[in-house]
Amino acid sequence: MPEIKIREAKLSDAEALTTLYPHWGIELAEKRIGRALNSKYEKRYIAEIDGKVVAHLLVRFERGAHKHLATFYSLIVHPEYRKKGIATKLVEYAISKLPENIEIVLAQVQHDNVGSLMLFKKLGFEQYGLLKDAWKKEKSCKDNILLKRAVRKP
């Protein structure tokens, strides 16, 4: 398999991200990447293979009394590139880039996303709760499994 390159997303990645999130459209992708580039509370990382964006992860850093927490959102790997270790490398990279003040990483995964649940558990995340009806689209609802991993001692 070709080399997997992990890096912070750039504005020029917006169009490529729409292949992972077709419902975003180019303007929303640019807005979301731009927000991350201009914020100290958010980072977006992507994985590339042969210059093609194949995966994405959003990391948000909490504030105030929660400034020791980071939350991982929107982990996605292009269907053609799944089961190749890309998500593992992306999550491990994001953990390695966390600021020194981050002690705990949280993640929310839809209850029926077995692949993501297995990945996070393999990487040392533990389930600590369930958020009912966390995802809603029209009349459909899904629960999210809440996961956490300590990355540093307080």
C-alpha atoms as a PDB file:
ATOM      1  CA  MET A   1       0.000   0.000   0.000  1.00  0.00           C
ATOM      2  CA  PRO A   2       1.271   3.505  -0.791  1.00  0.00           C
ATOM      3  CA  GLU A   3       2.378   5.816   2.022  1.00  0.00           C
ATOM      4  CA  ILE A   4      -0.326   7.469   4.113  1.00  0.00           C
ATOM      5  CA  LYS A   5       0.379  11.155   4.723  1.00  0.00           C
ATOM      6  CA  ILE A   6      -1.419  12.830   7.639  1.00  0.00           C
ATOM      7  CA  ARG A   7      -1.541  16.620   7.891  1.00  0.00           C
ATOM      8  CA  GLU A   8      -3.662  19.576   8.890  1.00  0.00           C
ATOM      9  CA  ALA A   9      -6.361  20.433   6.353  1.00  0.00           C
ATOM     10  CA  LYS A  10      -5.833  23.442   4.063  1.00  0.00           C
ATOM     11  CA  LEU A  11      -8.401  25.562   2.224  1.00  0.00           C
ATOM     12  CA  SER A  12      -7.294  23.901  -0.988  1.00  0.00           C
ATOM     13  CA  ASP A  13      -8.627  20.579   0.424  1.00  0.00           C
ATOM     14  CA  ALA A  14     -12.237  21.830   0.407  1.00  0.00           C
ATOM     15  CA  GLU A  15     -13.182  20.284  -2.916  1.00  0.00           C
ATOM     16  CA  ALA A  16     -11.591  16.952  -1.972  1.00  0.00           C
ATOM     17  CA  LEU A  17     -13.507  16.929   1.312  1.00  0.00           C
ATOM     18  CA  THR A  18     -16.770  17.107  -0.611  1.00  0.00           C
ATOM     19  CA  THR A  19     -16.011  13.588  -1.891  1.00  0.00           C
ATOM     20  CA  LEU A  20     -16.122  12.432   1.742  1.00  0.00           C
ATOM     21  CA  TYR A  21     -19.038  14.722   2.666  1.00  0.00           C
ATOM     22  CA  PRO A  22     -21.049  15.283  -0.558  1.00  0.00           C
ATOM     23  CA  HIS A  23     -23.837  17.047   1.352  1.00  0.00           C
ATOM     24  CA  TRP A  24     -21.417  19.824   2.432  1.00  0.00           C
ATOM     25  CA  GLY A  25     -20.767  21.419  -0.922  1.00  0.00           C
ATOM     26  CA  ILE A  26     -17.637  23.461  -1.643  1.00  0.00           C
ATOM     27  CA  GLU A  27     -18.719  26.643   0.188  1.00  0.00           C
ATOM     28  CA  LEU A  28     -19.483  24.847   3.452  1.00  0.00           C
ATOM     29  CA  ALA A  29     -16.258  22.820   3.213  1.00  0.00           C
ATOM     30  CA  GLU A  30     -14.248  26.028   2.737  1.00  0.00           C
ATOM     31  CA  LYS A  31     -16.049  27.679   5.650  1.00  0.00           C
ATOM     32  CA  ARG A  32     -15.364  24.741   7.986  1.00  0.00           C
ATOM     33  CA  ILE A  33     -11.703  24.445   7.041  1.00  0.00           C
ATOM     34  CA  GLY A  34     -11.260  28.220   7.279  1.00  0.00           C
ATOM     35  CA  ARG A  35     -12.774  28.249  10.755  1.00  0.00           C
ATOM     36  CA  ALA A  36     -10.335  25.567  11.894  1.00  0.00           C
ATOM     37  CA  LEU A  37      -7.353  27.378  10.374  1.00  0.00           C
ATOM     38  CA  ASN A  38      -8.290  30.567  12.224  1.00  0.00           C
ATOM     39  CA  SER A  39      -9.165  29.012  15.582  1.00  0.00           C
ATOM     40  CA  LYS A  40      -7.092  27.843  18.515  1.00  0.00           C
ATOM     41  CA  TYR A  41     -10.042  25.660  19.567  1.00  0.00           C
ATOM     42  CA  GLU A  42     -10.337  23.484  16.467  1.00  0.00           C
ATOM     43  CA  LYS A  43      -8.149  21.455  14.117  1.00  0.00           C
ATOM     44  CA  ARG A  44      -9.038  19.442  11.037  1.00  0.00           C
ATOM     45  CA  TYR A  45      -6.710  16.679   9.926  1.00  0.00           C
ATOM     46  CA  ILE A  46      -6.760  14.754   6.690  1.00  0.00           C
ATOM     47  CA  ALA A  47      -5.095  11.612   5.374  1.00  0.00           C
ATOM     48  CA  GLU A  48      -3.766  11.487   1.831  1.00  0.00           C
ATOM     49  CA  ILE A  49      -2.634   8.646  -0.382  1.00  0.00           C
ATOM     50  CA  ASP A  50      -0.869   9.592  -3.613  1.00  0.00           C
ATOM     51  CA  GLY A  51      -2.103  13.174  -3.154  1.00  0.00           C
ATOM     52  CA  LYS A  52      -5.760  12.105  -2.814  1.00  0.00           C
ATOM     53  CA  VAL A  53      -7.660  13.066   0.360  1.00  0.00           C
ATOM     54  CA  VAL A  54      -9.056   9.792   1.721  1.00  0.00           C
ATOM     55  CA  ALA A  55      -9.930  10.562   5.364  1.00  0.00           C
ATOM     56  CA  HIS A  56     -10.825  13.394   7.755  1.00  0.00           C
ATOM     57  CA  LEU A  57     -10.971  14.037  11.509  1.00  0.00           C
ATOM     58  CA  LEU A  58     -12.164  17.110  13.402  1.00  0.00           C
ATOM     59  CA  VAL A  59     -10.654  17.866  16.835  1.00  0.00           C
ATOM     60  CA  ARG A  60     -12.206  20.474  19.116  1.00  0.00           C
ATOM     61  CA  PHE A  61     -10.537  21.806  22.251  1.00  0.00           C
ATOM     62  CA  GLU A  62     -12.786  22.723  25.139  1.00  0.00           C
ATOM     63  CA  ARG A  63     -12.505  25.926  27.185  1.00  0.00           C
ATOM     64  CA  GLY A  64     -12.744  27.164  30.757  1.00  0.00           C
ATOM     65  CA  ALA A  65     -13.160  24.424  33.366  1.00  0.00           C
ATOM     66  CA  HIS A  66     -13.126  21.885  30.495  1.00  0.00           C
ATOM     67  CA  LYS A  67      -9.874  23.084  28.898  1.00  0.00           C
ATOM     68  CA  HIS A  68      -8.248  19.724  29.709  1.00  0.00           C
ATOM     69  CA  LEU A  69     -10.596  17.993  27.226  1.00  0.00           C
ATOM     70  CA  ALA A  70     -10.492  17.504  23.467  1.00  0.00           C
ATOM     71  CA  THR A  71     -13.282  15.890  21.453  1.00  0.00           C
ATOM     72  CA  PHE A  72     -12.898  13.958  18.214  1.00  0.00           C
ATOM     73  CA  TYR A  73     -15.705  14.350  15.678  1.00  0.00           C
ATOM     74  CA  SER A  74     -16.433  13.480  12.072  1.00  0.00           C
ATOM     75  CA  LEU A  75     -13.961  10.664  11.553  1.00  0.00           C
ATOM     76  CA  ILE A  76     -14.520   9.374   8.042  1.00  0.00           C
ATOM     77  CA  VAL A  77     -12.512   7.267   5.604  1.00  0.00           C
ATOM     78  CA  HIS A  78     -13.426   6.996   1.921  1.00  0.00           C
ATOM     79  CA  PRO A  79     -15.132   3.590   1.398  1.00  0.00           C
ATOM     80  CA  GLU A  80     -12.456   2.419  -1.066  1.00  0.00           C
ATOM     81  CA  TYR A  81      -9.744   2.961   1.572  1.00  0.00           C
ATOM     82  CA  ARG A  82     -11.331   1.426   4.668  1.00  0.00           C
ATOM     83  CA  LYS A  83      -9.719  -1.459   6.588  1.00  0.00           C
ATOM     84  CA  LYS A  84      -6.218  -0.268   5.623  1.00  0.00           C
ATOM     85  CA  GLY A  85      -5.153   1.340   8.934  1.00  0.00           C
ATOM     86  CA  ILE A  86      -5.825   4.902   7.774  1.00  0.00           C
ATOM     87  CA  ALA A  87      -8.262   5.804  10.567  1.00  0.00           C
ATOM     88  CA  THR A  88      -5.848   4.358  13.140  1.00  0.00           C
ATOM     89  CA  LYS A  89      -2.998   6.506  11.812  1.00  0.00           C
ATOM     90  CA  LEU A  90      -5.237   9.587  11.658  1.00  0.00           C
ATOM     91  CA  VAL A  91      -6.431   9.239  15.267  1.00  0.00           C
ATOM     92  CA  GLU A  92      -2.917   8.434  16.542  1.00  0.00           C
ATOM     93  CA  TYR A  93      -1.534  11.470  14.703  1.00  0.00           C
ATOM     94  CA  ALA A  94      -4.222  13.740  16.168  1.00  0.00           C
ATOM     95  CA  ILE A  95      -3.438  12.439  19.669  1.00  0.00           C
ATOM     96  CA  SER A  96       0.267  13.094  19.111  1.00  0.00           C
ATOM     97  CA  LYS A  97      -0.507  16.733  18.171  1.00  0.00           C
ATOM     98  CA  LEU A  98      -2.685  17.519  21.207  1.00  0.00           C
ATOM     99  CA  PRO A  99      -1.610  20.533  23.267  1.00  0.00           C
ATOM    100  CA  GLU A 100       0.090  19.774  26.603  1.00  0.00           C
ATOM    101  CA  ASN A 101      -2.967  20.840  28.629  1.00  0.00           C
ATOM    102  CA  ILE A 102      -5.165  18.090  27.137  1.00  0.00           C
ATOM    103  CA  GLU A 103      -5.573  15.188  29.567  1.00  0.00           C
ATOM    104  CA  ILE A 104      -8.669  13.422  28.213  1.00  0.00           C
ATOM    105  CA  VAL A 105      -9.907  12.821  24.683  1.00  0.00           C
ATOM    106  CA  LEU A 106     -13.611  12.229  24.114  1.00  0.00           C
ATOM    107  CA  ALA A 107     -15.342  10.751  21.072  1.00  0.00           C
ATOM    108  CA  GLN A 108     -18.942  10.203  20.051  1.00  0.00           C
ATOM    109  CA  VAL A 109     -19.747   7.352  17.692  1.00  0.00           C
ATOM    110  CA  GLN A 110     -23.153   6.370  16.345  1.00  0.00           C
ATOM    111  CA  HIS A 111     -24.239   3.193  18.100  1.00  0.00           C
ATOM    112  CA  ASP A 112     -24.459   1.216  14.855  1.00  0.00           C
ATOM    113  CA  ASN A 113     -21.012   2.238  13.541  1.00  0.00           C
ATOM    114  CA  VAL A 114     -19.273  -0.988  14.535  1.00  0.00           C
ATOM    115  CA  GLY A 115     -16.058  -0.182  12.653  1.00  0.00           C
ATOM    116  CA  SER A 116     -15.497   3.127  14.459  1.00  0.00           C
ATOM    117  CA  LEU A 117     -16.407   1.634  17.835  1.00  0.00           C
ATOM    118  CA  MET A 118     -13.876  -1.161  17.324  1.00  0.00           C
ATOM    119  CA  LEU A 119     -11.221   1.337  16.206  1.00  0.00           C
ATOM    120  CA  PHE A 120     -11.600   3.615  19.225  1.00  0.00           C
ATOM    121  CA  LYS A 121     -11.669   0.679  21.638  1.00  0.00           C
ATOM    122  CA  LYS A 122      -8.532  -0.760  19.973  1.00  0.00           C
ATOM    123  CA  LEU A 123      -6.851   2.619  20.585  1.00  0.00           C
ATOM    124  CA  GLY A 124      -7.638   2.537  24.308  1.00  0.00           C
ATOM    125  CA  PHE A 125     -10.921   4.447  24.432  1.00  0.00           C
ATOM    126  CA  GLU A 126     -13.501   3.234  26.951  1.00  0.00           C
ATOM    127  CA  GLN A 127     -17.254   3.619  26.781  1.00  0.00           C
ATOM    128  CA  TYR A 128     -18.585   5.879  29.522  1.00  0.00           C
ATOM    129  CA  GLY A 129     -22.112   6.616  28.392  1.00  0.00           C
ATOM    130  CA  LEU A 130     -24.856   6.778  25.814  1.00  0.00           C
ATOM    131  CA  LEU A 131     -26.358   9.932  24.341  1.00  0.00           C
ATOM    132  CA  LYS A 132     -29.917   9.128  23.244  1.00  0.00           C
ATOM    133  CA  ASP A 133     -31.194  10.683  20.014  1.00  0.00           C
ATOM    134  CA  ALA A 134     -27.843  12.414  19.394  1.00  0.00           C
ATOM    135  CA  TRP A 135     -28.266  12.308  15.627  1.00  0.00           C
ATOM    136  CA  LYS A 136     -31.503  13.392  13.971  1.00  0.00           C
ATOM    137  CA  LYS A 137     -32.386  13.548  10.316  1.00  0.00           C
ATOM    138  CA  GLU A 138     -35.985  14.133   9.373  1.00  0.00           C
ATOM    139  CA  LYS A 139     -37.893  11.584  11.510  1.00  0.00           C
ATOM    140  CA  SER A 140     -34.950   9.271  12.092  1.00  0.00           C
ATOM    141  CA  CYS A 141     -32.844   9.283  15.286  1.00  0.00           C
ATOM    142  CA  LYS A 142     -29.679   7.473  16.329  1.00  0.00           C
ATOM    143  CA  ASP A 143     -27.941   7.169  19.680  1.00  0.00           C
ATOM    144  CA  ASN A 144     -24.260   7.939  20.142  1.00  0.00           C
ATOM    145  CA  ILE A 145     -21.848   5.887  22.238  1.00  0.00           C
ATOM    146  CA  LEU A 146     -19.683   8.189  24.382  1.00  0.00           C
ATOM    147  CA  LEU A 147     -16.022   7.184  24.618  1.00  0.00           C
ATOM    148  CA  LYS A 148     -13.009   8.595  26.447  1.00  0.00           C
ATOM    149  CA  ARG A 149      -9.287   8.026  26.768  1.00  0.00           C
ATOM    150  CA  ALA A 150      -6.833   9.549  29.210  1.00  0.00           C
ATOM    151  CA  VAL A 151      -3.786  10.792  27.324  1.00  0.00           C
ATOM    152  CA  ARG A 152      -1.939  12.509  30.199  1.00  0.00           C
ATOM    153  CA  LYS A 153      -2.112  12.473  33.963  1.00  0.00           C
ATOM    154  CA  PRO A 154      -3.429  15.655  35.602  1.00  0.00           C
END
